[in-house]
Structure formats: C-alpha cells, structure tokens
Amino acid sequence: MEYNLADLFEAAADAFPDREYLVAEGRRRTYAEMEERANRLAHHLQAQGIGPGDHVGIYGYNSVEWVETLWAVFKVRATWININYRYVEEELAYLFENADLKALVYQREFAPRVRGVLAHLPLLRHTVVIEDGSGADLDGLDSVDFEAAMAGGSPVRDFGPRSPDDRYILYTGGTTGMPKGVVWRHEDVFFALGGGIDPVTNDRVSAPMDLVEQAQAAGGAATNMPIAPLMHGATQWGVMGGAFRGARIVLMAKFDPVRTWELVEEEGVNMVMITGDAMARPMIDALEDSARAFDLSSLFAIGSTAALFSPSMKDRFMELLPSIVLTDAIGSSESGSNGYSIVEKGKTAMKGGPTVRAVRDSVVLDEDLREAVPGSGIVGKVARKGNIPIEYYKDPEKTAQTFVTGPDGTRYSMPGDFATLEADGTITLLGRGSVSINSGGEKIFPEEVEGAVRRHAEVYDCVVVGVTDERWGQRVAAVVQPRPGCTPSLESIQDECRRHIAGYKLPREIHYVDRIERSPSGKPDYRWAAAVATA
C-alpha cells in the first residue's frame, strides 16, 4: 500500500465495508457499495483505453456519480479534472483544451455546452452521461449512459500497483484570470490536504494505514457535510479526507441555506463545512427567519475554509449556536492548509482575515524569500514548504511565479496572500496582493475593508475595489448588496468602518447592486465588481 489516494480509499472500504459513506439527495452508498461501483466504472474506463496519466473531466452538480467517478479514475491511475458548472462556453473551451481531456463524465443538463466546445477536445475519445431527467439533446455526442457503463464493468478489484507519484490536478480560478490546473503528487496532497498532518498536534502519519487504524480505535464515525460544490477543493477533500477516516459524508446538489439545516436535523450531521460569508450569511438568515426551530442537537462544529469569514458572521453564529465549536482556516489550492483557529466571541481580529495557528511547514516569506521572524512586523506572503505541488499544468510562467526557491535552496509554494507572522508564531492573513488598493502610497487590502462594511446592519454583502483617483491614484469603492428594504448611506457605512479600520481605508463611494457575484467557492468576482464601480 502506498500514499496513493485510491489505495487509501480501498483501505477504508476494507475496514468499514458496511458503514454508510455517502448520502446525496436521498441516495446512499456504503463503503462496500462505493467500492464495487467505482471498480465497475474503472473497468469501463479501462476498456475505453483510459489508463495511467490520462485526464478525465467530471462535469456536474454534487451527486453520488461525481464521487463514484472520482474513485474510479484514481483506481486506473488516471487523473480527474474538476469542471466548473458555472462556466460559459468561452471559459469551458479554454479549460477543456488546456486540460487535455481524453474522457468526460458529464451531467445531461450540460450536453449543449459540451457539444458547443467539442472542437476544443482533440484528444477526447469517450464520454459518459449522467441521466438527470433534464431531457437535454444528446445528438452528436455518442455518450454511454452512466448506469450502462456501470453494468458492463467488473466489480472486482484487480488493478495493478499504484504509485505515490500519481497525479491529482485541481483547477482553480482564483479571483482573476482563466483557470489554472495545480498539479500535485498523491503523496504530497495527502499530507497537505488529506489528513496526513494532524492540524492540532502537527504530527505526520508514519504509514498509509495510520488514519484507518486511528478510526478503528475511535470506534464511531463522524457525519460531515461539506456544502460547497464538488468542483471546489474544499468539498473534494471533505469527501476524500473523510473517507480515509471512515467518516459519513452528506452532500446536497446545490447549496440551499434552509435545506442545510434540514439535513443537519434529518441526517444527524456533526460538522458543517462552509466557505466564508457567502454561505454563512444566508445560513444565519435562514436560522433567524425560519418559522420553526430546527433540531441541531447533533451539530458540534462549523468550519470555514477557502474564503474569508468575517468577524461579524462569526459573532452571529456564536450568538445563535452558543454550544458549537467554530473553526476558521486558511489555505489554497496551491499550498494546501496553512493554518486554523478556534474562534472565540469578541476576539476576532479586525484585519483582512483570520489569525490562525500555523500548520506544519507553513511560513511567511519576506520580499527576499527569507522566512520571517515571529513578531518582526514584516508584511510578507504566506507560503508552505515540504509537501507542495509540482507546477501549474502547462504554464511555466505562472509556475515560476508561485513555486519559488529561497536563498538556502528550499522550495516554497507562495500563492500570493499577504500575511504577518505574530510574536506567538500565529499567522494573520491580510489578503491577496493582486487586488490590493494603493491610495496615496498606502496599501489597502479589500478583504479588511469588506469585513468592516459587512458589520453595518443594513449591508447584506459587499466587495471592495480600487477606482482611479486623480489625487490619490486610487480610492476605495464599495459595491454593496443592501438588505431588503434598506439603502445604507455612505456616511453611515463610513461611521461603522471607523470603529474597525483606519480612516484612510474607508470607502469613498458606494455602488448598489441586487446581488454580489461570487464563485461557487464564495470568492468574490473582483473583475465584475471593478466593472460595476467604473461603469
């Protein structure tokens, strides 16, 4: 057995065959059922010539089929490619062509888009369609039905040895630019994102079977619900990392705040995994506005990762659910986990992002790529060494910018988030430098201002960008989604912000919108916001 993601799943399937693994839209799979169906699909893919190193796209909403495809692809040592179902044809064409897909598993609803970009898939040799009742036209796609593919494949696990060098690729859009494929070795991503390092003790597992053995010793199994789309890394690792410990995973096809609380009640969910304010805010509103009380007695934790989680949202969660443990984490597709914290009411720093306990191998680098000294006050970039990605797929220029080598020869992943290393060794995230605002020579991180603006009682959501200013170079503009029936004034927002941030960071203008545009992972669309602010 290797530090290979398929090997790790199979070890869990052998240890917990009768334990329920997945619940998705009322459909259920035990570990043994998932194992058998993944074997069947893997053999079908092999029969179509898909093997080690080949790329297989997965294009659909959260479903049991998404997860079955995930494990099937890894079983044959191929690499699956996550596809953002919100992309329009131009974005899909870029991703499909860049990713070198040889096979595609897609939900029937998206057949017209797939047909529209076939010219960008010169290597494509096979497609499988997941029936969803949409009735979308399949003409010209020559796709095999998902269940027919299953039925024709052997349930036997008879695959050859695998390697810790097998590839996992995560396509990430970030806040700007076209999607980029982050290429990881299985062993490295297991230690960075899959549970190979305990975030509390910072200890590394010593053997691939350690997580299964720890789960066997613990006896019971936690029920976790990651609620972002599976095309997003946070939920992928909720599904995969949870499997390595024999956890039970609950998914919904699309995020719905009321349905989230209903599922906690119905399925006895213990931990909900969210991605920042984009999910926290509607979940809180659903709790406050519901005509009935949900039974949330099973819930003991809510964890946020991948998108900034503002202090006001943390405080509101703790007011509504005082007995839960609320955790905050930072990390990225390019570095894995960088740190986490357990949130305490009234102690959320008013900075760009959370202050977290650094996970093993996480550091802050200064402009000379030297590791910052705790308490030095240096504003550097958060980075990680050790188990980090190989590259961005087919993009040597961006690879050189993100994966850097320090003066002592240490290789780091440095995605671009600014941070400071506090005297106690914790890391405070400040924000992404690529969208920072320079006003009169002062650097302003939008995330910090956004956190202050959202504290205003009449603000539902906001994104902050810089717009051209003749005197200062740039000034701060807030694109605001007000609460229903409200129109918060610039003056009242500035008054609220003055209680949390320095005066030079205050918004100087407001642009009202009906809805803030965000990615499925909750990250704000800064290009869209800049267009709104400059229209």
Protein backbone atom coordinates (compact mmCIF):
# COMPACT_ATOMS: atom_id res chain seq x y z
CA MET A 1 0.00 0.00 0.00
CA GLU A 2 1.27 3.45 -0.95
CA TYR A 3 0.44 7.05 -0.11
CA ASN A 4 -1.90 6.87 -3.09
CA LEU A 5 -5.44 8.25 -2.86
CA ALA A 6 -7.07 5.16 -4.37
CA ASP A 7 -5.06 2.89 -2.05
CA LEU A 8 -6.12 4.96 0.95
CA PHE A 9 -9.79 4.73 -0.02
CA GLU A 10 -9.60 0.98 -0.60
CA ALA A 11 -8.07 0.52 2.85
CA ALA A 12 -11.06 2.33 4.36
CA ALA A 13 -13.51 0.32 2.23
CA ASP A 14 -11.96 -2.90 3.53
CA ALA A 15 -12.02 -1.70 7.13
CA PHE A 16 -15.59 -0.28 7.12
CA PRO A 17 -17.50 -2.14 4.36
CA ASP A 18 -20.96 -1.92 5.93
CA ARG A 19 -20.60 1.65 7.21
CA GLU A 20 -22.58 4.27 5.31
CA TYR A 21 -20.16 6.50 3.40
CA LEU A 22 -22.22 8.86 1.28
CA VAL A 23 -25.67 10.45 1.34
CA ALA A 24 -26.52 12.69 -1.63
CA GLU A 25 -30.03 13.89 -2.46
CA GLY A 26 -31.55 10.91 -0.66
CA ARG A 27 -29.31 8.31 -2.36
CA ARG A 28 -26.96 6.31 -0.18
CA ARG A 29 -23.79 4.29 -0.55
CA THR A 30 -21.95 2.18 1.99
CA TYR A 31 -18.18 1.91 1.69
CA ALA A 32 -18.59 -1.54 0.10
CA GLU A 33 -21.15 -0.24 -2.42
CA MET A 34 -18.96 2.71 -3.34
CA GLU A 35 -16.00 0.38 -3.77
CA GLU A 36 -17.93 -2.02 -6.04
CA ARG A 37 -19.43 0.71 -8.22
CA ALA A 38 -16.11 2.55 -8.53
CA ASN A 39 -14.49 -0.74 -9.64
CA ARG A 40 -17.20 -1.22 -12.28
CA LEU A 41 -16.74 2.26 -13.71
CA ALA A 42 -12.95 1.92 -13.56
CA HIS A 43 -13.10 -1.24 -15.67
CA HIS A 44 -15.39 0.50 -18.15
CA LEU A 45 -12.89 3.35 -18.50
CA GLN A 46 -10.03 0.88 -18.92
CA ALA A 47 -11.96 -0.84 -21.72
CA GLN A 48 -12.13 2.54 -23.48
CA GLY A 49 -8.36 2.91 -23.33
CA ILE A 50 -8.17 5.19 -20.28
CA GLY A 51 -5.14 4.48 -18.11
CA PRO A 52 -2.24 5.95 -16.14
CA GLY A 53 -1.73 9.65 -16.71
CA ASP A 54 -4.87 10.19 -18.81
CA HIS A 55 -7.20 13.07 -17.93
CA VAL A 56 -10.93 12.52 -17.31
CA GLY A 57 -13.23 15.51 -16.80
CA ILE A 58 -16.10 15.48 -14.28
CA TYR A 59 -18.81 17.99 -15.13
CA GLY A 60 -21.88 18.08 -12.91
CA TYR A 61 -23.52 19.02 -9.63
CA ASN A 62 -22.78 17.21 -6.38
CA SER A 63 -24.00 13.62 -6.69
CA VAL A 64 -23.13 10.02 -5.92
CA GLU A 65 -21.99 9.70 -9.55
CA TRP A 66 -19.46 12.52 -9.08
CA VAL A 67 -17.87 10.64 -6.18
CA GLU A 68 -18.05 7.25 -7.91
CA THR A 69 -16.24 8.75 -10.90
CA LEU A 70 -13.65 10.34 -8.63
CA TRP A 71 -12.57 6.98 -7.16
CA ALA A 72 -12.91 5.09 -10.46
CA VAL A 73 -10.49 7.42 -12.22
CA PHE A 74 -7.88 7.17 -9.47
CA LYS A 75 -8.21 3.38 -9.43
CA VAL A 76 -6.86 3.18 -13.00
CA ARG A 77 -4.13 5.72 -12.17
CA ALA A 78 -5.71 8.37 -14.37
CA THR A 79 -6.33 11.96 -13.24
CA TRP A 80 -9.76 13.55 -13.00
CA ILE A 81 -10.31 17.19 -13.85
CA ASN A 82 -12.85 19.28 -11.92
CA ILE A 83 -15.05 21.38 -14.21
CA ASN A 84 -16.86 24.49 -13.01
CA TYR A 85 -20.52 24.06 -13.98
CA ARG A 86 -20.98 27.83 -14.00
CA TYR A 87 -18.55 28.38 -16.85
CA VAL A 88 -19.90 29.62 -20.18
CA GLU A 89 -18.62 28.18 -23.45
CA GLU A 90 -15.60 30.50 -23.76
CA GLU A 91 -14.32 29.51 -20.31
CA LEU A 92 -15.12 25.85 -20.90
CA ALA A 93 -13.30 25.89 -24.21
CA TYR A 94 -10.17 27.22 -22.51
CA LEU A 95 -10.31 24.69 -19.67
CA PHE A 96 -11.10 21.69 -21.88
CA GLU A 97 -8.32 22.49 -24.31
CA ASN A 98 -5.83 23.24 -21.54
CA ALA A 99 -6.66 20.08 -19.60
CA ASP A 100 -6.08 17.58 -22.46
CA LEU A 101 -9.20 15.55 -21.68
CA LYS A 102 -9.34 12.01 -23.05
CA ALA A 103 -12.68 11.18 -21.43
CA LEU A 104 -15.54 13.17 -19.97
CA VAL A 105 -18.26 12.23 -17.48
CA TYR A 106 -20.96 14.88 -17.57
CA GLN A 107 -24.47 15.56 -16.35
CA ARG A 108 -27.07 15.52 -19.13
CA GLU A 109 -28.15 19.12 -18.44
CA PHE A 110 -24.76 20.28 -19.74
CA ALA A 111 -24.88 18.38 -23.05
CA PRO A 112 -25.47 21.53 -25.16
CA ARG A 113 -22.37 23.19 -23.69
CA VAL A 114 -20.30 20.05 -24.23
CA ARG A 115 -21.43 19.90 -27.86
CA GLY A 116 -20.51 23.56 -28.26
CA VAL A 117 -16.88 23.01 -27.28
CA LEU A 118 -16.12 19.64 -28.91
CA ALA A 119 -13.71 21.39 -31.26
CA HIS A 120 -11.54 22.14 -28.24
CA LEU A 121 -11.28 18.48 -27.28
CA PRO A 122 -8.96 16.95 -29.92
CA LEU A 123 -7.85 14.15 -27.57
CA LEU A 124 -11.36 13.16 -26.43
CA ARG A 125 -12.11 9.50 -27.11
CA HIS A 126 -15.06 8.71 -24.79
CA THR A 127 -17.95 10.38 -22.96
CA VAL A 128 -20.32 9.11 -20.27
CA VAL A 129 -23.58 10.90 -19.48
CA ILE A 130 -25.24 11.04 -16.06
CA GLU A 131 -29.01 10.99 -16.54
CA ASP A 132 -30.72 13.81 -14.61
CA GLY A 133 -34.19 13.97 -16.16
CA SER A 134 -33.40 17.22 -17.97
CA GLY A 135 -34.07 15.75 -21.41
CA ALA A 136 -31.18 17.72 -22.90
CA ASP A 137 -30.36 16.79 -26.51
CA LEU A 138 -27.52 14.26 -26.77
CA ASP A 139 -27.25 14.24 -30.58
CA GLY A 140 -23.70 14.21 -31.84
CA LEU A 141 -22.11 13.27 -28.50
CA ASP A 142 -22.18 9.46 -28.80
CA SER A 143 -22.23 9.16 -25.00
CA VAL A 144 -22.66 6.00 -22.95
CA ASP A 145 -25.25 6.12 -20.17
CA PHE A 146 -23.59 6.15 -16.73
CA GLU A 147 -25.59 3.20 -15.38
CA ALA A 148 -24.99 1.20 -18.58
CA ALA A 149 -21.27 1.81 -18.16
CA MET A 150 -21.55 0.58 -14.57
CA ALA A 151 -23.46 -2.54 -15.56
CA GLY A 152 -20.85 -3.54 -18.12
CA GLY A 153 -17.85 -3.26 -15.79
CA SER A 154 -16.49 -5.89 -13.45
CA PRO A 155 -16.95 -5.28 -9.68
CA VAL A 156 -13.64 -7.00 -8.92
CA ARG A 157 -10.66 -5.06 -7.58
CA ASP A 158 -7.93 -6.42 -9.80
CA PHE A 159 -5.93 -3.32 -10.61
CA GLY A 160 -2.15 -3.24 -10.61
CA PRO A 161 0.10 -1.47 -8.11
CA ARG A 162 -0.14 2.28 -7.89
CA SER A 163 2.37 4.99 -7.05
CA PRO A 164 2.57 7.92 -4.63
CA ASP A 165 3.70 9.83 -7.74
CA ASP A 166 0.27 9.50 -9.42
CA ARG A 167 -1.26 12.89 -10.17
CA TYR A 168 -4.11 14.89 -8.69
CA ILE A 169 -4.97 18.13 -10.52
CA LEU A 170 -7.16 20.87 -9.08
CA TYR A 171 -8.29 23.58 -11.49
CA THR A 172 -8.69 26.85 -9.67
CA GLY A 173 -9.92 30.17 -10.99
CA GLY A 174 -8.83 32.36 -8.09
CA THR A 175 -10.03 35.97 -8.15
CA THR A 176 -8.70 36.88 -11.60
CA GLY A 177 -7.71 35.20 -14.86
CA MET A 178 -8.55 31.93 -16.56
CA PRO A 179 -8.50 28.67 -14.55
CA LYS A 180 -5.14 27.10 -13.75
CA GLY A 181 -4.51 23.41 -13.06
CA VAL A 182 -2.49 22.85 -9.89
CA VAL A 183 -0.58 19.57 -10.26
CA TRP A 184 0.09 17.53 -7.11
CA ARG A 185 1.66 14.14 -6.42
CA HIS A 186 -0.78 11.96 -4.45
CA GLU A 187 1.60 11.67 -1.52
CA ASP A 188 2.16 15.41 -1.31
CA VAL A 189 -1.52 16.36 -1.49
CA PHE A 190 -2.38 13.73 1.13
CA PHE A 191 -0.05 15.45 3.58
CA ALA A 192 -1.15 18.93 2.55
CA LEU A 193 -4.92 18.43 2.38
CA GLY A 194 -5.88 14.81 3.05
CA GLY A 195 -5.20 14.45 6.76
CA GLY A 196 -1.60 13.30 6.62
CA ILE A 197 -0.67 16.03 9.12
CA ASP A 198 -2.74 16.44 12.28
CA PRO A 199 -3.61 20.17 12.44
CA VAL A 200 -3.76 20.14 16.25
CA THR A 201 -0.51 18.31 17.05
CA ASN A 202 1.27 18.98 13.73
CA ASP A 203 2.33 15.31 13.73
CA ARG A 204 2.69 13.46 10.41
CA VAL A 205 1.27 9.99 9.96
CA SER A 206 4.04 7.41 9.79
CA ALA A 207 2.36 4.88 7.48
CA PRO A 208 -0.53 4.87 4.95
CA MET A 209 -2.73 2.72 7.24
CA ASP A 210 -2.48 5.12 10.20
CA LEU A 211 -5.74 7.00 9.55
CA VAL A 212 -7.77 3.80 9.21
CA GLU A 213 -6.22 2.40 12.38
CA GLN A 214 -6.96 5.63 14.24
CA ALA A 215 -10.57 5.47 13.04
CA GLN A 216 -10.89 1.84 14.13
CA ALA A 217 -9.58 2.73 17.57
CA ALA A 218 -12.06 5.61 17.85
CA GLY A 219 -14.99 3.29 17.17
CA GLY A 220 -17.69 5.64 15.86
CA ALA A 221 -17.86 7.69 12.71
CA ALA A 222 -18.49 11.42 12.42
CA THR A 223 -21.08 12.71 9.94
CA ASN A 224 -19.72 15.66 7.99
CA MET A 225 -21.47 17.91 5.49
CA PRO A 226 -19.28 19.97 3.13
CA ILE A 227 -21.72 22.24 1.32
CA ALA A 228 -19.63 23.79 -1.47
CA PRO A 229 -19.71 22.22 -4.96
CA LEU A 230 -17.50 19.18 -5.51
CA MET A 231 -15.77 21.10 -8.27
CA HIS A 232 -14.23 23.08 -5.38
CA GLY A 233 -11.25 21.67 -3.47
CA ALA A 234 -12.76 22.16 -0.01
CA THR A 235 -15.58 19.69 -0.68
CA GLN A 236 -13.35 17.31 -2.62
CA TRP A 237 -11.21 16.98 0.48
CA GLY A 238 -14.23 16.73 2.75
CA VAL A 239 -15.27 13.72 0.67
CA MET A 240 -11.80 12.17 0.24
CA GLY A 241 -10.14 13.06 3.53
CA GLY A 242 -13.27 11.99 5.40
CA ALA A 243 -13.21 8.63 3.63
CA PHE A 244 -9.69 7.87 4.84
CA ARG A 245 -11.07 8.01 8.40
CA GLY A 246 -14.28 6.10 7.72
CA ALA A 247 -16.45 9.20 8.04
CA ARG A 248 -20.02 9.57 6.77
CA ILE A 249 -20.46 12.38 4.22
CA VAL A 250 -23.69 14.24 3.41
CA LEU A 251 -23.94 16.26 0.18
CA MET A 252 -26.57 18.43 -1.46
CA ALA A 253 -26.70 19.02 -5.21
CA LYS A 254 -26.68 22.80 -4.80
CA PHE A 255 -26.31 24.98 -1.74
CA ASP A 256 -29.60 25.92 -0.13
CA PRO A 257 -29.45 27.54 3.34
CA VAL A 258 -32.76 26.17 4.62
CA ARG A 259 -32.03 22.71 3.25
CA THR A 260 -28.67 22.82 5.03
CA TRP A 261 -30.35 23.00 8.43
CA GLU A 262 -32.95 20.42 7.42
CA LEU A 263 -30.17 17.96 6.52
CA VAL A 264 -28.38 18.59 9.81
CA GLU A 265 -31.61 17.59 11.53
CA GLU A 266 -32.52 14.66 9.25
CA GLU A 267 -29.06 13.08 8.95
CA GLY A 268 -27.63 13.89 12.39
CA VAL A 269 -24.79 15.94 10.94
CA ASN A 270 -21.92 16.60 13.36
CA MET A 271 -19.87 19.10 11.36
CA VAL A 272 -20.81 21.53 8.58
CA MET A 273 -18.03 22.78 6.31
CA ILE A 274 -18.66 26.17 4.68
CA THR A 275 -16.64 28.60 2.59
CA GLY A 276 -16.83 32.02 4.18
CA ASP A 277 -19.56 34.66 4.32
CA ALA A 278 -21.18 33.70 1.03
CA MET A 279 -22.59 30.65 2.80
CA ALA A 280 -22.52 31.85 6.41
CA ARG A 281 -24.78 34.85 5.83
CA PRO A 282 -27.74 33.06 4.18
CA MET A 283 -27.43 30.19 6.67
CA ILE A 284 -27.69 32.62 9.57
CA ASP A 285 -30.64 34.39 7.94
CA ALA A 286 -32.38 31.03 7.44
CA LEU A 287 -31.95 30.23 11.13
CA GLU A 288 -33.30 33.60 12.22
CA ASP A 289 -36.18 33.73 9.73
CA SER A 290 -37.42 30.15 9.92
CA ALA A 291 -40.95 29.67 11.21
CA ARG A 292 -39.85 26.53 13.05
CA ALA A 293 -36.93 25.53 15.21
CA PHE A 294 -34.51 23.00 13.72
CA ASP A 295 -33.23 20.15 15.88
CA LEU A 296 -29.50 20.82 15.72
CA SER A 297 -28.54 18.74 18.75
CA SER A 298 -26.19 16.55 16.67
CA LEU A 299 -24.17 19.53 15.44
CA PHE A 300 -20.98 20.28 17.33
CA ALA A 301 -18.84 22.18 14.82
CA ILE A 302 -18.93 24.56 11.86
CA GLY A 303 -15.70 25.04 9.96
CA SER A 304 -14.93 27.67 7.35
CA THR A 305 -12.13 27.43 4.85
CA ALA A 306 -11.03 28.69 1.43
CA ALA A 307 -12.83 32.07 1.65
CA LEU A 308 -12.58 34.81 4.23
CA PHE A 309 -15.03 34.56 7.11
CA SER A 310 -15.81 37.99 8.56
CA PRO A 311 -15.85 38.77 12.31
CA SER A 312 -19.50 39.82 12.26
CA MET A 313 -20.57 36.47 10.81
CA LYS A 314 -18.55 34.57 13.39
CA ASP A 315 -20.14 36.55 16.20
CA ARG A 316 -23.65 35.96 14.85
CA PHE A 317 -23.06 32.20 14.57
CA MET A 318 -21.89 32.08 18.16
CA GLU A 319 -24.91 34.05 19.34
CA LEU A 320 -27.32 31.70 17.57
CA LEU A 321 -25.45 28.46 18.30
CA PRO A 322 -23.51 29.07 21.52
CA SER A 323 -22.65 25.41 22.12
CA ILE A 324 -20.89 24.73 18.80
CA VAL A 325 -17.18 24.91 18.08
CA LEU A 326 -16.46 27.38 15.28
CA THR A 327 -13.21 26.97 13.37
CA ASP A 328 -11.56 29.15 10.76
CA ALA A 329 -8.83 28.04 8.37
CA ILE A 330 -6.62 29.47 5.68
CA GLY A 331 -5.08 27.73 2.71
CA SER A 332 -5.20 27.50 -1.05
CA SER A 333 -5.26 25.09 -3.96
CA GLU A 334 -1.53 25.77 -4.43
CA SER A 335 -0.39 25.25 -0.83
CA GLY A 336 -2.91 23.12 1.00
CA SER A 337 -3.72 24.02 4.58
CA ASN A 338 -1.71 26.84 6.13
CA GLY A 339 -3.39 27.21 9.50
CA TYR A 340 -6.55 27.06 11.58
CA SER A 341 -8.07 28.63 14.66
CA ILE A 342 -10.90 28.01 17.08
CA VAL A 343 -12.96 31.19 17.10
CA GLU A 344 -13.82 32.96 20.35
CA LYS A 345 -16.59 35.52 20.51
CA GLY A 346 -15.37 39.11 20.53
CA LYS A 347 -11.79 38.09 19.80
CA THR A 348 -11.82 38.20 16.02
CA ALA A 349 -9.03 40.43 14.80
CA MET A 350 -10.15 43.30 12.57
CA LYS A 351 -7.65 42.57 9.87
CA GLY A 352 -8.01 41.23 6.36
CA GLY A 353 -8.55 37.69 7.51
CA PRO A 354 -8.20 35.29 10.40
CA THR A 355 -5.28 34.89 12.76
CA VAL A 356 -4.53 31.18 12.80
CA ARG A 357 -2.18 28.66 14.32
CA ALA A 358 0.30 27.75 11.59
CA VAL A 359 0.13 24.21 10.26
CA ARG A 360 3.43 22.38 9.99
CA ASP A 361 5.67 23.73 7.17
CA SER A 362 3.65 26.97 6.82
CA VAL A 363 5.73 30.16 6.92
CA VAL A 364 5.67 33.83 5.96
CA LEU A 365 8.31 34.92 3.42
CA ASP A 366 9.73 38.42 3.10
CA GLU A 367 10.49 40.06 -0.25
CA ASP A 368 13.86 38.26 -0.35
CA LEU A 369 12.14 34.88 0.12
CA ARG A 370 13.51 34.52 3.64
CA GLU A 371 11.31 33.17 6.40
CA ALA A 372 10.02 35.99 8.61
CA VAL A 373 10.93 36.08 12.30
CA PRO A 374 7.90 35.93 14.64
CA GLY A 375 6.88 39.39 15.81
CA SER A 376 9.07 41.20 13.27
CA GLY A 377 6.07 43.09 11.88
CA ILE A 378 7.08 42.23 8.32
CA VAL A 379 4.20 42.10 5.85
CA GLY A 380 5.21 39.17 3.69
CA LYS A 381 3.49 36.37 1.85
CA VAL A 382 2.17 33.20 3.40
CA ALA A 383 3.90 30.14 1.95
CA ARG A 384 4.41 26.46 2.53
CA LYS A 385 7.37 24.15 2.10
CA GLY A 386 7.71 20.36 2.18
CA ASN A 387 4.74 18.63 0.53
CA ILE A 388 3.77 21.14 -2.14
CA PRO A 389 2.62 20.94 -5.80
CA ILE A 390 4.82 20.28 -8.79
CA GLU A 391 3.53 23.03 -11.08
CA TYR A 392 0.64 24.67 -12.83
CA TYR A 393 -0.30 22.42 -15.73
CA LYS A 394 1.24 23.66 -18.99
CA ASP A 395 2.04 27.09 -17.55
CA PRO A 396 5.76 27.51 -16.79
CA GLU A 397 5.45 31.28 -16.35
CA LYS A 398 2.87 31.12 -13.55
CA THR A 399 4.69 28.11 -12.11
CA ALA A 400 7.86 30.18 -11.73
CA GLN A 401 5.89 33.00 -10.05
CA THR A 402 4.18 30.79 -7.45
CA PHE A 403 6.62 27.95 -6.78
CA VAL A 404 9.81 29.69 -5.73
CA THR A 405 13.19 28.74 -4.29
CA GLY A 406 14.63 30.61 -1.31
CA PRO A 407 18.28 31.63 -0.82
CA ASP A 408 19.01 28.41 1.08
CA GLY A 409 17.60 26.21 -1.69
CA THR A 410 14.25 25.49 -0.01
CA ARG A 411 11.35 25.27 -2.45
CA TYR A 412 8.11 27.01 -1.45
CA SER A 413 4.58 27.40 -2.70
CA MET A 414 3.72 31.11 -2.41
CA PRO A 415 0.26 31.77 -3.93
CA GLY A 416 0.20 35.49 -3.17
CA ASP A 417 -1.70 36.04 0.08
CA PHE A 418 -0.11 38.73 2.23
CA ALA A 419 0.29 37.98 5.92
CA THR A 420 2.21 38.78 9.07
CA LEU A 421 3.86 36.34 11.48
CA GLU A 422 2.85 37.28 15.01
CA ALA A 423 5.14 37.08 18.06
CA ASP A 424 3.45 33.86 19.21
CA GLY A 425 4.02 32.17 15.85
CA THR A 426 0.47 32.57 14.58
CA ILE A 427 -0.23 33.87 11.07
CA THR A 428 -2.61 36.73 10.29
CA LEU A 429 -3.89 36.73 6.73
CA LEU A 430 -4.19 40.19 5.17
CA GLY A 431 -5.46 39.49 1.67
CA ARG A 432 -4.47 38.85 -1.91
CA GLY A 433 -1.98 41.40 -3.20
CA SER A 434 -3.24 41.15 -6.77
CA VAL A 435 -6.41 43.03 -5.80
CA SER A 436 -4.92 45.38 -3.21
CA ILE A 437 -5.60 49.11 -3.50
CA ASN A 438 -2.83 51.72 -3.49
CA SER A 439 -4.18 55.02 -2.20
CA GLY A 440 -1.59 57.74 -1.74
CA GLY A 441 1.13 55.14 -1.28
CA GLU A 442 -0.82 53.21 1.39
CA LYS A 443 -1.63 49.59 0.58
CA ILE A 444 -5.22 48.67 1.42
CA PHE A 445 -6.41 45.07 1.35
CA PRO A 446 -10.03 44.85 0.15
CA GLU A 447 -10.84 41.94 2.45
CA GLU A 448 -10.15 44.08 5.52
CA VAL A 449 -12.49 46.84 4.34
CA GLU A 450 -15.14 44.30 3.30
CA GLY A 451 -15.14 42.84 6.81
CA ALA A 452 -15.77 46.29 8.27
CA VAL A 453 -18.50 47.22 5.77
CA ARG A 454 -20.37 43.97 6.45
CA ARG A 455 -20.70 44.90 10.10
CA HIS A 456 -23.22 47.56 9.08
CA ALA A 457 -26.71 46.36 9.99
CA GLU A 458 -28.15 47.28 6.58
CA VAL A 459 -25.44 45.61 4.48
CA TYR A 460 -26.05 42.05 3.31
CA ASP A 461 -22.85 41.61 1.31
CA CYS A 462 -20.15 43.69 -0.35
CA VAL A 463 -17.00 43.66 -2.44
CA VAL A 464 -14.39 46.43 -2.29
CA VAL A 465 -12.24 47.56 -5.24
CA GLY A 466 -9.99 50.45 -6.13
CA VAL A 467 -11.03 53.05 -8.70
CA THR A 468 -8.89 55.75 -10.30
CA ASP A 469 -8.44 58.95 -8.30
CA GLU A 470 -6.58 61.99 -9.66
CA ARG A 471 -5.13 62.94 -6.28
CA TRP A 472 -4.51 59.61 -4.54
CA GLY A 473 -4.01 57.29 -7.50
CA GLN A 474 -6.82 55.07 -6.29
CA ARG A 475 -9.71 55.43 -3.86
CA VAL A 476 -11.80 52.76 -2.16
CA ALA A 477 -15.15 51.93 -3.74
CA ALA A 478 -17.66 49.57 -2.11
CA VAL A 479 -20.05 47.53 -4.23
CA VAL A 480 -22.87 46.82 -1.78
CA GLN A 481 -25.81 44.44 -1.75
CA PRO A 482 -28.16 46.00 0.84
CA ARG A 483 -30.54 44.06 3.00
CA PRO A 484 -34.11 44.03 1.61
CA GLY A 485 -35.80 47.40 2.01
CA CYS A 486 -32.58 49.17 3.04
CA THR A 487 -30.32 51.73 1.38
CA PRO A 488 -27.37 52.31 3.72
CA SER A 489 -25.78 55.72 3.21
CA LEU A 490 -22.10 56.24 2.55
CA GLU A 491 -21.85 58.28 5.76
CA SER A 492 -23.36 55.56 7.94
CA ILE A 493 -21.09 52.91 6.41
CA GLN A 494 -18.07 55.13 7.00
CA ASP A 495 -19.13 55.64 10.62
CA GLU A 496 -19.33 51.87 11.14
CA CYS A 497 -15.99 51.30 9.42
CA ARG A 498 -14.21 53.91 11.57
CA ARG A 499 -14.80 51.66 14.57
CA HIS A 500 -12.78 48.88 12.98
CA ILE A 501 -10.22 50.21 10.47
CA ALA A 502 -8.03 53.26 9.89
CA GLY A 503 -9.55 56.31 8.24
CA TYR A 504 -7.52 56.08 5.02
CA LYS A 505 -9.14 52.68 4.33
CA LEU A 506 -12.74 53.96 4.39
CA PRO A 507 -14.92 53.58 1.28
CA ARG A 508 -15.24 56.88 -0.58
CA GLU A 509 -18.13 55.82 -2.78
CA ILE A 510 -20.89 53.18 -2.87
CA HIS A 511 -22.41 51.29 -5.79
CA TYR A 512 -25.63 49.39 -5.01
CA VAL A 513 -26.36 46.05 -6.69
CA ASP A 514 -29.10 43.46 -6.36
CA ARG A 515 -26.63 40.63 -5.89
CA ILE A 516 -22.90 40.27 -5.32
CA GLU A 517 -21.28 38.00 -7.88
CA ARG A 518 -19.17 35.24 -6.31
CA SER A 519 -17.61 31.97 -7.42
CA PRO A 520 -19.14 28.70 -6.18
CA SER A 521 -16.43 28.62 -3.50
CA GLY A 522 -17.55 32.01 -2.19
CA LYS A 523 -14.68 34.04 -3.60
CA PRO A 524 -15.71 37.50 -4.84
CA ASP A 525 -15.53 38.32 -8.53
CA TYR A 526 -13.28 41.38 -8.41
CA ARG A 527 -13.32 41.88 -12.17
CA TRP A 528 -17.11 42.12 -12.11
CA ALA A 529 -17.00 44.48 -9.10
CA ALA A 530 -14.44 46.74 -10.80
CA ALA A 531 -16.66 46.94 -13.87
CA VAL A 532 -19.63 47.93 -11.70
CA ALA A 533 -17.60 50.57 -9.85
CA THR A 534 -16.24 52.13 -13.04
CA ALA A 535 -19.38 51.93 -15.20
